[in-house]
Amino acid sequence: MPGGSNNGRGDATSTQENIILDTVRLYVEATVAVAVMAMLGIISGFATVALTGDGRLAFFVAAVAFVLTAIVLTVRLWRMTRTPTASAEPSA
């Protein structure tokens, strides 16, 4: 078999598989993020109903928790994907 380690597949096939796997991973991570956001919103909404008995307030609190979680996850993702800048001073 030609190609050795990739079992005869060319570079285009392995690159295409990498793109597909990266895309699948992206969708899985996005699904998990939305599930976390929804779960925190639902929990906070139920807690608000249990404490106050007000359904409208509970919906508002759940929506705020959902949005705040989205902001936190977005900032974390943004910070993780930033390239570090070189410091001006060498470390001692």
Protein backbone atom coordinates (compact mmCIF):
# COMPACT_ATOMS: atom_id res chain seq x y z
CA MET A 1 0.00 0.00 0.00
CA PRO A 2 1.39 3.37 -0.92
CA GLY A 3 1.34 6.16 1.62
CA GLY A 4 2.40 4.30 4.75
CA SER A 5 0.75 5.85 7.78
CA ASN A 6 -2.41 7.18 6.12
CA ASN A 7 -3.38 3.85 4.49
CA GLY A 8 -3.12 5.09 0.94
CA ARG A 9 -5.28 8.17 1.37
CA GLY A 10 -4.01 11.41 -0.03
CA ASP A 11 -3.49 14.64 1.86
CA ALA A 12 -6.76 16.04 0.53
CA THR A 13 -8.77 13.27 2.19
CA SER A 14 -7.10 13.68 5.56
CA THR A 15 -7.49 17.45 5.37
CA GLN A 16 -11.16 17.06 4.53
CA GLU A 17 -11.60 14.68 7.47
CA ASN A 18 -9.90 17.20 9.76
CA ILE A 19 -12.25 19.93 8.58
CA ILE A 20 -15.27 17.70 9.16
CA LEU A 21 -14.06 16.69 12.63
CA ASP A 22 -13.36 20.32 13.54
CA THR A 23 -16.86 21.28 12.38
CA VAL A 24 -18.48 18.46 14.35
CA ARG A 25 -16.48 19.42 17.43
CA LEU A 26 -17.59 23.03 17.04
CA TYR A 27 -21.26 22.04 16.87
CA VAL A 28 -20.92 19.73 19.89
CA GLU A 29 -19.24 22.45 21.94
CA ALA A 30 -21.90 24.98 20.91
CA THR A 31 -24.65 22.53 21.90
CA VAL A 32 -23.05 21.98 25.30
CA ALA A 33 -22.71 25.74 25.80
CA VAL A 34 -26.38 26.36 24.99
CA ALA A 35 -27.38 23.48 27.28
CA VAL A 36 -25.36 25.00 30.15
CA MET A 37 -26.91 28.41 29.49
CA ALA A 38 -30.42 26.94 29.43
CA MET A 39 -29.86 24.87 32.56
CA LEU A 40 -28.64 27.86 34.56
CA GLY A 41 -31.61 29.89 33.31
CA ILE A 42 -34.09 27.16 34.21
CA ILE A 43 -32.61 26.62 37.66
CA SER A 44 -32.60 30.34 38.43
CA GLY A 45 -36.18 30.68 37.14
CA PHE A 46 -37.43 27.83 39.34
CA ALA A 47 -35.57 29.23 42.33
CA THR A 48 -37.17 32.63 41.75
CA VAL A 49 -40.66 31.11 41.54
CA ALA A 50 -40.01 29.15 44.73
CA LEU A 51 -38.84 32.25 46.58
CA THR A 52 -41.24 34.88 45.24
CA GLY A 53 -44.14 33.07 43.58
CA ASP A 54 -44.02 35.57 40.69
CA GLY A 55 -43.94 33.89 37.28
CA ARG A 56 -43.14 37.06 35.32
CA LEU A 57 -40.18 37.82 37.56
CA ALA A 58 -39.00 34.21 37.23
CA PHE A 59 -39.06 34.47 33.43
CA PHE A 60 -37.09 37.71 33.59
CA VAL A 61 -34.51 36.21 35.98
CA ALA A 62 -34.16 33.11 33.77
CA ALA A 63 -33.60 35.29 30.68
CA VAL A 64 -31.02 37.41 32.49
CA ALA A 65 -29.20 34.29 33.72
CA PHE A 66 -29.20 32.89 30.17
CA VAL A 67 -27.76 36.11 28.72
CA LEU A 68 -25.17 36.54 31.47
CA THR A 69 -24.00 32.96 31.01
CA ALA A 70 -23.70 33.58 27.27
CA ILE A 71 -21.61 36.68 27.94
CA VAL A 72 -19.30 34.82 30.34
CA LEU A 73 -18.82 31.91 27.91
CA THR A 74 -18.19 34.30 25.01
CA VAL A 75 -15.57 36.25 26.96
CA ARG A 76 -13.88 32.99 28.00
CA LEU A 77 -13.78 31.83 24.38
CA TRP A 78 -12.46 35.20 23.23
CA ARG A 79 -9.69 35.15 25.85
CA MET A 80 -8.72 31.55 25.02
CA THR A 81 -8.40 32.27 21.30
CA ARG A 82 -6.38 35.49 21.62
CA THR A 83 -2.74 35.22 20.72
CA PRO A 84 -0.50 36.22 23.63
CA THR A 85 1.55 39.34 23.10
CA ALA A 86 5.25 39.35 23.84
CA SER A 87 6.12 41.28 26.97
CA ALA A 88 8.41 44.29 26.67
CA GLU A 89 10.56 43.23 29.61
CA PRO A 90 12.33 39.87 29.76
CA SER A 91 11.37 37.76 32.77
CA ALA A 92 14.05 37.56 35.45
